[in-house]
Amino acid sequence: MLFINKLEGSFSVTNVLSRRKILNYLGLCRRAGFIISGSELLIKALLKKQLFLVVIASDASPKTTKEIKKHIVDKIFIINQLSSSEISQAIGQERKVLGVTDQGIAQQIRKIIEGGE
């Protein structure tokens, strides 16, 4: 599983437990209302600098991936190796791209990725 931070290189997490924790956090974000999903809404939120984490499904189209990455100008963590079925199962909706608007949860996910939790 590869995770990319636009400004700080890349990280690799192969631990199944860590992957499950990340998906659980995404589900929590959905229930708490901290998820913005769909390409158009995500781009609007990126332009307003409302996002702290972006998740792009590994099976998202290259056009979608390019369009989203084009609008990322700040230091935003990108997770790009979860499948759309994993994302959909975690949040209860079928989505290929989503963003997390809560800084605290985004930091917790980043800690998991970096091996701090």
PDB file of N, CA and C in Angstrom:
ATOM      1  N   MET A   1       0.858  -1.158   0.000  1.00  0.00           N
ATOM      2  CA  MET A   1       0.000   0.000   0.000  1.00  0.00           C
ATOM      3  C   MET A   1       0.908   1.225   0.000  1.00  0.00           C
ATOM      4  N   LEU A   2       0.689   2.140  -0.905  1.00  0.00           N
ATOM      5  CA  LEU A   2       1.533   3.312  -1.024  1.00  0.00           C
ATOM      6  C   LEU A   2       0.734   4.554  -0.684  1.00  0.00           C
ATOM      7  N   PHE A   3       1.313   5.379   0.151  1.00  0.00           N
ATOM      8  CA  PHE A   3       0.679   6.624   0.537  1.00  0.00           C
ATOM      9  C   PHE A   3       1.606   7.746   0.127  1.00  0.00           C
ATOM     10  N   ILE A   4       1.062   8.783  -0.451  1.00  0.00           N
ATOM     11  CA  ILE A   4       1.904   9.879  -0.931  1.00  0.00           C
ATOM     12  C   ILE A   4       1.541  11.170  -0.234  1.00  0.00           C
ATOM     13  N   ASN A   5       2.549  11.862   0.244  1.00  0.00           N
ATOM     14  CA  ASN A   5       2.389  13.215   0.765  1.00  0.00           C
ATOM     15  C   ASN A   5       3.022  14.119  -0.280  1.00  0.00           C
ATOM     16  N   LYS A   6       2.276  15.041  -0.796  1.00  0.00           N
ATOM     17  CA  LYS A   6       2.743  15.875  -1.900  1.00  0.00           C
ATOM     18  C   LYS A   6       4.098  16.523  -1.644  1.00  0.00           C
ATOM     19  N   LEU A   7       4.362  16.944  -0.422  1.00  0.00           N
ATOM     20  CA  LEU A   7       5.602  17.670  -0.166  1.00  0.00           C
ATOM     21  C   LEU A   7       6.673  16.866   0.566  1.00  0.00           C
ATOM     22  N   GLU A   8       6.327  15.722   1.121  1.00  0.00           N
ATOM     23  CA  GLU A   8       7.293  15.039   1.972  1.00  0.00           C
ATOM     24  C   GLU A   8       7.626  13.617   1.561  1.00  0.00           C
ATOM     25  N   GLY A   9       7.476  13.226   0.329  1.00  0.00           N
ATOM     26  CA  GLY A   9       7.877  11.891  -0.090  1.00  0.00           C
ATOM     27  C   GLY A   9       6.768  10.874   0.021  1.00  0.00           C
ATOM     28  N   SER A  10       7.149   9.601   0.190  1.00  0.00           N
ATOM     29  CA  SER A  10       6.146   8.547   0.210  1.00  0.00           C
ATOM     30  C   SER A  10       6.345   7.624   1.401  1.00  0.00           C
ATOM     31  N   PHE A  11       5.301   6.910   1.736  1.00  0.00           N
ATOM     32  CA  PHE A  11       5.308   5.996   2.856  1.00  0.00           C
ATOM     33  C   PHE A  11       4.681   4.687   2.399  1.00  0.00           C
ATOM     34  N   SER A  12       5.077   3.599   3.038  1.00  0.00           N
ATOM     35  CA  SER A  12       4.505   2.311   2.700  1.00  0.00           C
ATOM     36  C   SER A  12       3.973   1.647   3.957  1.00  0.00           C
ATOM     37  N   VAL A  13       2.743   1.173   3.886  1.00  0.00           N
ATOM     38  CA  VAL A  13       2.140   0.458   5.006  1.00  0.00           C
ATOM     39  C   VAL A  13       1.593  -0.850   4.473  1.00  0.00           C
ATOM     40  N   THR A  14       2.102  -1.954   4.977  1.00  0.00           N
ATOM     41  CA  THR A  14       1.618  -3.251   4.525  1.00  0.00           C
ATOM     42  C   THR A  14       0.831  -3.950   5.616  1.00  0.00           C
ATOM     43  N   ASN A  15       0.801  -3.404   6.798  1.00  0.00           N
ATOM     44  CA  ASN A  15       0.112  -3.998   7.924  1.00  0.00           C
ATOM     45  C   ASN A  15      -1.400  -3.954   7.708  1.00  0.00           C
ATOM     46  N   VAL A  16      -2.033  -5.121   7.757  1.00  0.00           N
ATOM     47  CA  VAL A  16      -3.478  -5.205   7.543  1.00  0.00           C
ATOM     48  C   VAL A  16      -4.233  -4.461   8.645  1.00  0.00           C
ATOM     49  N   LEU A  17      -3.729  -4.515   9.862  1.00  0.00           N
ATOM     50  CA  LEU A  17      -4.371  -3.819  10.974  1.00  0.00           C
ATOM     51  C   LEU A  17      -4.355  -2.309  10.739  1.00  0.00           C
ATOM     52  N   SER A  18      -3.248  -1.779  10.252  1.00  0.00           N
ATOM     53  CA  SER A  18      -3.167  -0.344   9.950  1.00  0.00           C
ATOM     54  C   SER A  18      -4.140   0.044   8.854  1.00  0.00           C
ATOM     55  N   ARG A  19      -4.246  -0.796   7.851  1.00  0.00           N
ATOM     56  CA  ARG A  19      -5.189  -0.540   6.755  1.00  0.00           C
ATOM     57  C   ARG A  19      -6.615  -0.498   7.295  1.00  0.00           C
ATOM     58  N   ARG A  20      -6.960  -1.443   8.165  1.00  0.00           N
ATOM     59  CA  ARG A  20      -8.296  -1.505   8.766  1.00  0.00           C
ATOM     60  C   ARG A  20      -8.558  -0.263   9.609  1.00  0.00           C
ATOM     61  N   LYS A  21      -7.551   0.204  10.373  1.00  0.00           N
ATOM     62  CA  LYS A  21      -7.715   1.409  11.188  1.00  0.00           C
ATOM     63  C   LYS A  21      -8.022   2.621  10.318  1.00  0.00           C
ATOM     64  N   ILE A  22      -7.311   2.730   9.206  1.00  0.00           N
ATOM     65  CA  ILE A  22      -7.540   3.858   8.299  1.00  0.00           C
ATOM     66  C   ILE A  22      -8.962   3.816   7.755  1.00  0.00           C
ATOM     67  N   LEU A  23      -9.416   2.648   7.342  1.00  0.00           N
ATOM     68  CA  LEU A  23     -10.778   2.514   6.821  1.00  0.00           C
ATOM     69  C   LEU A  23     -11.806   2.806   7.909  1.00  0.00           C
ATOM     70  N   ASN A  24     -11.524   2.393   9.152  1.00  0.00           N
ATOM     71  CA  ASN A  24     -12.426   2.697  10.263  1.00  0.00           C
ATOM     72  C   ASN A  24     -12.507   4.200  10.513  1.00  0.00           C
ATOM     73  N   TYR A  25     -11.376   4.889  10.435  1.00  0.00           N
ATOM     74  CA  TYR A  25     -11.378   6.346  10.595  1.00  0.00           C
ATOM     75  C   TYR A  25     -12.191   7.015   9.488  1.00  0.00           C
ATOM     76  N   LEU A  26     -12.088   6.506   8.266  1.00  0.00           N
ATOM     77  CA  LEU A  26     -12.881   7.068   7.168  1.00  0.00           C
ATOM     78  C   LEU A  26     -14.373   6.876   7.421  1.00  0.00           C
ATOM     79  N   GLY A  27     -14.750   5.713   7.965  1.00  0.00           N
ATOM     80  CA  GLY A  27     -16.151   5.478   8.317  1.00  0.00           C
ATOM     81  C   GLY A  27     -16.618   6.419   9.417  1.00  0.00           C
ATOM     82  N   LEU A  28     -15.759   6.652  10.391  1.00  0.00           N
ATOM     83  CA  LEU A  28     -16.075   7.591  11.471  1.00  0.00           C
ATOM     84  C   LEU A  28     -16.267   9.000  10.913  1.00  0.00           C
ATOM     85  N   CYS A  29     -15.399   9.400  10.012  1.00  0.00           N
ATOM     86  CA  CYS A  29     -15.519  10.715   9.374  1.00  0.00           C
ATOM     87  C   CYS A  29     -16.851  10.845   8.648  1.00  0.00           C
ATOM     88  N   ARG A  30     -17.251   9.806   7.969  1.00  0.00           N
ATOM     89  CA  ARG A  30     -18.522   9.828   7.234  1.00  0.00           C
ATOM     90  C   ARG A  30     -19.696  10.041   8.193  1.00  0.00           C
ATOM     91  N   ARG A  31     -19.692   9.276   9.286  1.00  0.00           N
ATOM     92  CA  ARG A  31     -20.792   9.394  10.246  1.00  0.00           C
ATOM     93  C   ARG A  31     -20.796  10.750  10.947  1.00  0.00           C
ATOM     94  N   ALA A  32     -19.622  11.347  11.111  1.00  0.00           N
ATOM     95  CA  ALA A  32     -19.517  12.641  11.789  1.00  0.00           C
ATOM     96  C   ALA A  32     -19.698  13.825  10.837  1.00  0.00           C
ATOM     97  N   GLY A  33     -19.780  13.549   9.544  1.00  0.00           N
ATOM     98  CA  GLY A  33     -19.976  14.628   8.577  1.00  0.00           C
ATOM     99  C   GLY A  33     -18.690  15.325   8.157  1.00  0.00           C
ATOM    100  N   PHE A  34     -17.547  14.634   8.293  1.00  0.00           N
ATOM    101  CA  PHE A  34     -16.254  15.219   7.940  1.00  0.00           C
ATOM    102  C   PHE A  34     -15.742  14.738   6.587  1.00  0.00           C
ATOM    103  N   ILE A  35     -16.631  14.214   5.747  1.00  0.00           N
ATOM    104  CA  ILE A  35     -16.238  13.694   4.442  1.00  0.00           C
ATOM    105  C   ILE A  35     -16.877  14.550   3.350  1.00  0.00           C
ATOM    106  N   ILE A  36     -16.057  14.899   2.364  1.00  0.00           N
ATOM    107  CA  ILE A  36     -16.563  15.507   1.131  1.00  0.00           C
ATOM    108  C   ILE A  36     -16.210  14.521   0.030  1.00  0.00           C
ATOM    109  N   SER A  37     -17.218  14.097  -0.731  1.00  0.00           N
ATOM    110  CA  SER A  37     -16.948  13.091  -1.753  1.00  0.00           C
ATOM    111  C   SER A  37     -17.483  13.530  -3.106  1.00  0.00           C
ATOM    112  N   GLY A  38     -16.900  12.955  -4.127  1.00  0.00           N
ATOM    113  CA  GLY A  38     -17.250  13.322  -5.490  1.00  0.00           C
ATOM    114  C   GLY A  38     -16.254  14.339  -6.028  1.00  0.00           C
ATOM    115  N   SER A  39     -15.904  14.187  -7.269  1.00  0.00           N
ATOM    116  CA  SER A  39     -14.855  15.024  -7.872  1.00  0.00           C
ATOM    117  C   SER A  39     -15.132  16.518  -7.803  1.00  0.00           C
ATOM    118  N   GLU A  40     -16.324  16.927  -8.207  1.00  0.00           N
ATOM    119  CA  GLU A  40     -16.632  18.357  -8.261  1.00  0.00           C
ATOM    120  C   GLU A  40     -16.619  18.999  -6.870  1.00  0.00           C
ATOM    121  N   LEU A  41     -17.261  18.345  -5.903  1.00  0.00           N
ATOM    122  CA  LEU A  41     -17.276  18.886  -4.538  1.00  0.00           C
ATOM    123  C   LEU A  41     -15.875  18.886  -3.933  1.00  0.00           C
ATOM    124  N   LEU A  42     -15.099  17.858  -4.250  1.00  0.00           N
ATOM    125  CA  LEU A  42     -13.733  17.768  -3.738  1.00  0.00           C
ATOM    126  C   LEU A  42     -12.876  18.911  -4.278  1.00  0.00           C
ATOM    127  N   ILE A  43     -13.005  19.195  -5.555  1.00  0.00           N
ATOM    128  CA  ILE A  43     -12.224  20.284  -6.158  1.00  0.00           C
ATOM    129  C   ILE A  43     -12.618  21.626  -5.545  1.00  0.00           C
ATOM    130  N   LYS A  44     -13.912  21.848  -5.336  1.00  0.00           N
ATOM    131  CA  LYS A  44     -14.355  23.091  -4.699  1.00  0.00           C
ATOM    132  C   LYS A  44     -13.773  23.217  -3.293  1.00  0.00           C
ATOM    133  N   ALA A  45     -13.782  22.115  -2.534  1.00  0.00           N
ATOM    134  CA  ALA A  45     -13.226  22.135  -1.178  1.00  0.00           C
ATOM    135  C   ALA A  45     -11.719  22.355  -1.192  1.00  0.00           C
ATOM    136  N   LEU A  46     -11.034  21.784  -2.177  1.00  0.00           N
ATOM    137  CA  LEU A  46      -9.584  22.005  -2.304  1.00  0.00           C
ATOM    138  C   LEU A  46      -9.289  23.481  -2.571  1.00  0.00           C
ATOM    139  N   LEU A  47     -10.064  24.085  -3.437  1.00  0.00           N
ATOM    140  CA  LEU A  47      -9.860  25.497  -3.757  1.00  0.00           C
ATOM    141  C   LEU A  47     -10.134  26.399  -2.560  1.00  0.00           C
ATOM    142  N   LYS A  48     -11.062  25.981  -1.689  1.00  0.00           N
ATOM    143  CA  LYS A  48     -11.370  26.739  -0.477  1.00  0.00           C
ATOM    144  C   LYS A  48     -10.448  26.367   0.689  1.00  0.00           C
ATOM    145  N   LYS A  49      -9.529  25.431   0.443  1.00  0.00           N
ATOM    146  CA  LYS A  49      -8.554  24.971   1.452  1.00  0.00           C
ATOM    147  C   LYS A  49      -9.248  24.402   2.694  1.00  0.00           C
ATOM    148  N   GLN A  50     -10.276  23.574   2.468  1.00  0.00           N
ATOM    149  CA  GLN A  50     -11.028  22.972   3.553  1.00  0.00           C
ATOM    150  C   GLN A  50     -10.584  21.551   3.870  1.00  0.00           C
ATOM    151  N   LEU A  51      -9.681  20.968   3.075  1.00  0.00           N
ATOM    152  CA  LEU A  51      -9.317  19.561   3.235  1.00  0.00           C
ATOM    153  C   LEU A  51      -7.932  19.381   3.848  1.00  0.00           C
ATOM    154  N   PHE A  52      -7.808  18.309   4.649  1.00  0.00           N
ATOM    155  CA  PHE A  52      -6.531  17.960   5.265  1.00  0.00           C
ATOM    156  C   PHE A  52      -6.019  16.616   4.768  1.00  0.00           C
ATOM    157  N   LEU A  53      -6.869  15.849   4.100  1.00  0.00           N
ATOM    158  CA  LEU A  53      -6.511  14.526   3.602  1.00  0.00           C
ATOM    159  C   LEU A  53      -7.368  14.230   2.387  1.00  0.00           C
ATOM    160  N   VAL A  54      -6.767  13.662   1.347  1.00  0.00           N
ATOM    161  CA  VAL A  54      -7.498  13.277   0.143  1.00  0.00           C
ATOM    162  C   VAL A  54      -7.271  11.792  -0.094  1.00  0.00           C
ATOM    163  N   VAL A  55      -8.349  11.078  -0.408  1.00  0.00           N
ATOM    164  CA  VAL A  55      -8.270   9.658  -0.731  1.00  0.00           C
ATOM    165  C   VAL A  55      -8.742   9.495  -2.167  1.00  0.00           C
ATOM    166  N   ILE A  56      -7.874   8.909  -2.988  1.00  0.00           N
ATOM    167  CA  ILE A  56      -8.202   8.630  -4.382  1.00  0.00           C
ATOM    168  C   ILE A  56      -8.097   7.123  -4.563  1.00  0.00           C
ATOM    169  N   ALA A  57      -9.160   6.491  -5.020  1.00  0.00           N
ATOM    170  CA  ALA A  57      -9.160   5.042  -5.200  1.00  0.00           C
ATOM    171  C   ALA A  57      -8.111   4.626  -6.224  1.00  0.00           C
ATOM    172  N   SER A  58      -7.515   3.473  -5.982  1.00  0.00           N
ATOM    173  CA  SER A  58      -6.496   2.969  -6.903  1.00  0.00           C
ATOM    174  C   SER A  58      -7.079   2.654  -8.274  1.00  0.00           C
ATOM    175  N   ASP A  59      -8.381   2.382  -8.324  1.00  0.00           N
ATOM    176  CA  ASP A  59      -9.018   2.082  -9.596  1.00  0.00           C
ATOM    177  C   ASP A  59      -9.787   3.277 -10.173  1.00  0.00           C
ATOM    178  N   ALA A  60      -9.510   4.469  -9.669  1.00  0.00           N
ATOM    179  CA  ALA A  60     -10.094   5.683 -10.249  1.00  0.00           C
ATOM    180  C   ALA A  60      -9.448   5.925 -11.608  1.00  0.00           C
ATOM    181  N   SER A  61     -10.172   6.563 -12.490  1.00  0.00           N
ATOM    182  CA  SER A  61      -9.633   6.791 -13.832  1.00  0.00           C
ATOM    183  C   SER A  61      -8.448   7.749 -13.780  1.00  0.00           C
ATOM    184  N   PRO A  62      -7.511   7.590 -14.699  1.00  0.00           N
ATOM    185  CA  PRO A  62      -6.359   8.505 -14.744  1.00  0.00           C
ATOM    186  C   PRO A  62      -6.784   9.971 -14.893  1.00  0.00           C
ATOM    187  N   LYS A  63      -7.865  10.200 -15.629  1.00  0.00           N
ATOM    188  CA  LYS A  63      -8.362  11.566 -15.825  1.00  0.00           C
ATOM    189  C   LYS A  63      -8.815  12.166 -14.492  1.00  0.00           C
ATOM    190  N   THR A  64      -9.551  11.386 -13.707  1.00  0.00           N
ATOM    191  CA  THR A  64     -10.015  11.854 -12.399  1.00  0.00           C
ATOM    192  C   THR A  64      -8.840  12.125 -11.480  1.00  0.00           C
ATOM    193  N   THR A  65      -7.905  11.188 -11.442  1.00  0.00           N
ATOM    194  CA  THR A  65      -6.723  11.337 -10.586  1.00  0.00           C
ATOM    195  C   THR A  65      -5.940  12.591 -10.963  1.00  0.00           C
ATOM    196  N   LYS A  66      -5.723  12.790 -12.242  1.00  0.00           N
ATOM    197  CA  LYS A  66      -4.981  13.964 -12.714  1.00  0.00           C
ATOM    198  C   LYS A  66      -5.710  15.257 -12.359  1.00  0.00           C
ATOM    199  N   GLU A  67      -7.025  15.266 -12.536  1.00  0.00           N
ATOM    200  CA  GLU A  67      -7.828  16.461 -12.255  1.00  0.00           C
ATOM    201  C   GLU A  67      -7.760  16.829 -10.775  1.00  0.00           C
ATOM    202  N   ILE A  68      -7.857  15.843  -9.905  1.00  0.00           N
ATOM    203  CA  ILE A  68      -7.800  16.102  -8.463  1.00  0.00           C
ATOM    204  C   ILE A  68      -6.408  16.585  -8.075  1.00  0.00           C
ATOM    205  N   LYS A  69      -5.374  15.888  -8.515  1.00  0.00           N
ATOM    206  CA  LYS A  69      -3.999  16.253  -8.149  1.00  0.00           C
ATOM    207  C   LYS A  69      -3.617  17.633  -8.671  1.00  0.00           C
ATOM    208  N   LYS A  70      -4.212  18.041  -9.797  1.00  0.00           N
ATOM    209  CA  LYS A  70      -3.931  19.357 -10.370  1.00  0.00           C
ATOM    210  C   LYS A  70      -4.367  20.479  -9.428  1.00  0.00           C
ATOM    211  N   HIS A  71      -5.412  20.238  -8.656  1.00  0.00           N
ATOM    212  CA  HIS A  71      -5.951  21.262  -7.772  1.00  0.00           C
ATOM    213  C   HIS A  71      -5.361  21.234  -6.361  1.00  0.00           C
ATOM    214  N   ILE A  72      -4.466  20.303  -6.093  1.00  0.00           N
ATOM    215  CA  ILE A  72      -3.849  20.245  -4.769  1.00  0.00           C
ATOM    216  C   ILE A  72      -2.636  21.168  -4.776  1.00  0.00           C
ATOM    217  N   VAL A  73      -2.733  22.252  -4.038  1.00  0.00           N
ATOM    218  CA  VAL A  73      -1.642  23.216  -4.001  1.00  0.00           C
ATOM    219  C   VAL A  73      -1.005  23.291  -2.621  1.00  0.00           C
ATOM    220  N   ASP A  74      -1.742  22.917  -1.599  1.00  0.00           N
ATOM    221  CA  ASP A  74      -1.216  22.968  -0.243  1.00  0.00           C
ATOM    222  C   ASP A  74      -0.614  21.627   0.150  1.00  0.00           C
ATOM    223  N   LYS A  75      -0.092  21.596   1.346  1.00  0.00           N
ATOM    224  CA  LYS A  75       0.484  20.382   1.907  1.00  0.00           C
ATOM    225  C   LYS A  75      -0.667  19.482   2.388  1.00  0.00           C
ATOM    226  N   ILE A  76      -1.136  18.651   1.485  1.00  0.00           N
ATOM    227  CA  ILE A  76      -2.259  17.762   1.780  1.00  0.00           C
ATOM    228  C   ILE A  76      -1.803  16.327   1.581  1.00  0.00           C
ATOM    229  N   PHE A  77      -2.145  15.496   2.533  1.00  0.00           N
ATOM    230  CA  PHE A  77      -1.794  14.085   2.478  1.00  0.00           C
ATOM    231  C   PHE A  77      -2.721  13.388   1.492  1.00  0.00           C
ATOM    232  N   ILE A  78      -2.156  12.569   0.606  1.00  0.00           N
ATOM    233  CA  ILE A  78      -2.940  11.841  -0.384  1.00  0.00           C
ATOM    234  C   ILE A  78      -2.767  10.345  -0.142  1.00  0.00           C
ATOM    235  N   ILE A  79      -3.869   9.633  -0.052  1.00  0.00           N
ATOM    236  CA  ILE A  79      -3.831   8.175   0.016  1.00  0.00           C
ATOM    237  C   ILE A  79      -4.357   7.685  -1.319  1.00  0.00           C
ATOM    238  N   ASN A  80      -3.540   6.902  -2.021  1.00  0.00           N
ATOM    239  CA  ASN A  80      -3.941   6.524  -3.377  1.00  0.00           C
ATOM    240  C   ASN A  80      -3.927   5.027  -3.649  1.00  0.00           C
ATOM    241  N   GLN A  81      -3.900   4.202  -2.611  1.00  0.00           N
ATOM    242  CA  GLN A  81      -3.862   2.771  -2.865  1.00  0.00           C
ATOM    243  C   GLN A  81      -4.960   1.979  -2.173  1.00  0.00           C
ATOM    244  N   LEU A  82      -6.059   2.605  -1.855  1.00  0.00           N
ATOM    245  CA  LEU A  82      -7.235   1.888  -1.390  1.00  0.00           C
ATOM    246  C   LEU A  82      -8.163   1.718  -2.582  1.00  0.00           C
ATOM    247  N   SER A  83      -8.745   0.545  -2.721  1.00  0.00           N
ATOM    248  CA  SER A  83      -9.652   0.323  -3.850  1.00  0.00           C
ATOM    249  C   SER A  83     -10.986   1.028  -3.595  1.00  0.00           C
ATOM    250  N   SER A  84     -11.731   1.245  -4.660  1.00  0.00           N
ATOM    251  CA  SER A  84     -13.032   1.900  -4.508  1.00  0.00           C
ATOM    252  C   SER A  84     -13.984   1.025  -3.700  1.00  0.00           C
ATOM    253  N   SER A  85     -13.839  -0.288  -3.780  1.00  0.00           N
ATOM    254  CA  SER A  85     -14.712  -1.160  -2.987  1.00  0.00           C
ATOM    255  C   SER A  85     -14.395  -1.040  -1.499  1.00  0.00           C
ATOM    256  N   GLU A  86     -13.117  -0.886  -1.138  1.00  0.00           N
ATOM    257  CA  GLU A  86     -12.740  -0.688   0.266  1.00  0.00           C
ATOM    258  C   GLU A  86     -13.274   0.647   0.781  1.00  0.00           C
ATOM    259  N   ILE A  87     -13.098   1.677  -0.016  1.00  0.00           N
ATOM    260  CA  ILE A  87     -13.574   3.010   0.364  1.00  0.00           C
ATOM    261  C   ILE A  87     -15.090   2.998   0.513  1.00  0.00           C
ATOM    262  N   SER A  88     -15.769   2.405  -0.466  1.00  0.00           N
ATOM    263  CA  SER A  88     -17.233   2.359  -0.444  1.00  0.00           C
ATOM    264  C   SER A  88     -17.753   1.596   0.765  1.00  0.00           C
ATOM    265  N   GLN A  89     -17.107   0.492   1.084  1.00  0.00           N
ATOM    266  CA  GLN A  89     -17.524  -0.287   2.242  1.00  0.00           C
ATOM    267  C   GLN A  89     -17.299   0.496   3.537  1.00  0.00           C
ATOM    268  N   ALA A  90     -16.213   1.229   3.608  1.00  0.00           N
ATOM    269  CA  ALA A  90     -15.886   1.985   4.819  1.00  0.00           C
ATOM    270  C   ALA A  90     -16.861   3.131   5.067  1.00  0.00           C
ATOM    271  N   ILE A  91     -17.265   3.834   4.005  1.00  0.00           N
ATOM    272  CA  ILE A  91     -18.113   5.015   4.200  1.00  0.00           C
ATOM    273  C   ILE A  91     -19.589   4.770   3.896  1.00  0.00           C
ATOM    274  N   GLY A  92     -19.912   3.600   3.351  1.00  0.00           N
ATOM    275  CA  GLY A  92     -21.310   3.284   3.098  1.00  0.00           C
ATOM    276  C   GLY A  92     -21.881   3.884   1.832  1.00  0.00           C
ATOM    277  N   GLN A  93     -21.039   4.413   0.983  1.00  0.00           N
ATOM    278  CA  GLN A  93     -21.454   4.978  -0.308  1.00  0.00           C
ATOM    279  C   GLN A  93     -20.410   4.603  -1.341  1.00  0.00           C
ATOM    280  N   GLU A  94     -20.827   4.464  -2.579  1.00  0.00           N
ATOM    281  CA  GLU A  94     -19.867   4.134  -3.615  1.00  0.00           C
ATOM    282  C   GLU A  94     -19.163   5.406  -4.084  1.00  0.00           C
ATOM    283  N   ARG A  95     -17.890   5.504  -3.782  1.00  0.00           N
ATOM    284  CA  ARG A  95     -17.092   6.683  -4.132  1.00  0.00           C
ATOM    285  C   ARG A  95     -15.684   6.263  -4.554  1.00  0.00           C
ATOM    286  N   LYS A  96     -15.078   7.082  -5.409  1.00  0.00           N
ATOM    287  CA  LYS A  96     -13.695   6.852  -5.823  1.00  0.00           C
ATOM    288  C   LYS A  96     -12.757   7.931  -5.302  1.00  0.00           C
ATOM    289  N   VAL A  97     -13.294   9.092  -4.960  1.00  0.00           N
ATOM    290  CA  VAL A  97     -12.486  10.162  -4.373  1.00  0.00           C
ATOM    291  C   VAL A  97     -13.239  10.769  -3.201  1.00  0.00           C
ATOM    292  N   LEU A  98     -12.488  11.113  -2.174  1.00  0.00           N
ATOM    293  CA  LEU A  98     -13.091  11.788  -1.034  1.00  0.00           C
ATOM    294  C   LEU A  98     -12.029  12.582  -0.297  1.00  0.00           C
ATOM    295  N   GLY A  99     -12.496  13.523   0.499  1.00  0.00           N
ATOM    296  CA  GLY A  99     -11.602  14.354   1.287  1.00  0.00           C
ATOM    297  C   GLY A  99     -12.071  14.402   2.723  1.00  0.00           C
ATOM    298  N   VAL A 100     -11.124  14.551   3.643  1.00  0.00           N
ATOM    299  CA  VAL A 100     -11.421  14.648   5.074  1.00  0.00           C
ATOM    300  C   VAL A 100     -11.237  16.103   5.494  1.00  0.00           C
ATOM    301  N   THR A 101     -12.273  16.663   6.125  1.00  0.00           N
ATOM    302  CA  THR A 101     -12.242  18.065   6.515  1.00  0.00           C
ATOM    303  C   THR A 101     -11.820  18.276   7.967  1.00  0.00           C
ATOM    304  N   ASP A 102     -11.658  17.209   8.733  1.00  0.00           N
ATOM    305  CA  ASP A 102     -11.274  17.332  10.134  1.00  0.00           C
ATOM    306  C   ASP A 102      -9.767  17.135  10.282  1.00  0.00           C
ATOM    307  N   GLN A 103      -9.095  18.137  10.810  1.00  0.00           N
ATOM    308  CA  GLN A 103      -7.645  18.088  10.926  1.00  0.00           C
ATOM    309  C   GLN A 103      -7.185  17.018  11.911  1.00  0.00           C
ATOM    310  N   GLY A 104      -7.903  16.841  13.008  1.00  0.00           N
ATOM    311  CA  GLY A 104      -7.516  15.860  14.018  1.00  0.00           C
ATOM    312  C   GLY A 104      -7.532  14.436  13.493  1.00  0.00           C
ATOM    313  N   ILE A 105      -8.583  14.071  12.793  1.00  0.00           N
ATOM    314  CA  ILE A 105      -8.664  12.716  12.237  1.00  0.00           C
ATOM    315  C   ILE A 105      -7.633  12.536  11.131  1.00  0.00           C
ATOM    316  N   ALA A 106      -7.419  13.562  10.329  1.00  0.00           N
ATOM    317  CA  ALA A 106      -6.401  13.487   9.285  1.00  0.00           C
ATOM    318  C   ALA A 106      -5.018  13.252   9.907  1.00  0.00           C
ATOM    319  N   GLN A 107      -4.744  13.897  11.031  1.00  0.00           N
ATOM    320  CA  GLN A 107      -3.462  13.690  11.721  1.00  0.00           C
ATOM    321  C   GLN A 107      -3.355  12.275  12.284  1.00  0.00           C
ATOM    322  N   GLN A 108      -4.463  11.729  12.803  1.00  0.00           N
ATOM    323  CA  GLN A 108      -4.451  10.357  13.318  1.00  0.00           C
ATOM    324  C   GLN A 108      -4.164   9.362  12.193  1.00  0.00           C
ATOM    325  N   ILE A 109      -4.766   9.573  11.037  1.00  0.00           N
ATOM    326  CA  ILE A 109      -4.516   8.690   9.888  1.00  0.00           C
ATOM    327  C   ILE A 109      -3.056   8.803   9.458  1.00  0.00           C
ATOM    328  N   ARG A 110      -2.535  10.007   9.475  1.00  0.00           N
ATOM    329  CA  ARG A 110      -1.128  10.204   9.115  1.00  0.00           C
ATOM    330  C   ARG A 110      -0.198   9.498  10.093  1.00  0.00           C
ATOM    331  N   LYS A 111      -0.538   9.522  11.389  1.00  0.00           N
ATOM    332  CA  LYS A 111       0.264   8.806  12.388  1.00  0.00           C
ATOM    333  C   LYS A 111       0.287   7.311  12.102  1.00  0.00           C
ATOM    334  N   ILE A 112      -0.863   6.779  11.730  1.00  0.00           N
ATOM    335  CA  ILE A 112      -0.941   5.345  11.401  1.00  0.00           C
ATOM    336  C   ILE A 112      -0.024   5.041  10.222  1.00  0.00           C
ATOM    337  N   ILE A 113      -0.084   5.871   9.205  1.00  0.00           N
ATOM    338  CA  ILE A 113       0.720   5.667   8.002  1.00  0.00           C
ATOM    339  C   ILE A 113       2.212   5.737   8.321  1.00  0.00           C
ATOM    340  N   GLU A 114       2.592   6.682   9.152  1.00  0.00           N
ATOM    341  CA  GLU A 114       4.000   6.861   9.488  1.00  0.00           C
ATOM    342  C   GLU A 114       4.478   5.888  10.556  1.00  0.00           C
ATOM    343  N   GLY A 115       3.571   5.029  11.047  1.00  0.00           N
ATOM    344  CA  GLY A 115       3.976   4.006  12.005  1.00  0.00           C
ATOM    345  C   GLY A 115       3.936   4.448  13.446  1.00  0.00           C
ATOM    346  N   GLY A 116       3.292   5.578  13.728  1.00  0.00           N
ATOM    347  CA  GLY A 116       3.253   6.091  15.075  1.00  0.00           C
ATOM    348  C   GLY A 116       2.133   5.527  15.922  1.00  0.00           C
ATOM    349  N   GLU A 117       1.255   4.732  15.331  1.00  0.00           N
ATOM    350  CA  GLU A 117       0.137   4.173  16.105  1.00  0.00           C
ATOM    351  C   GLU A 117      -0.108   2.754  15.701  1.00  0.00           C
TER     352      GLU A 117
END
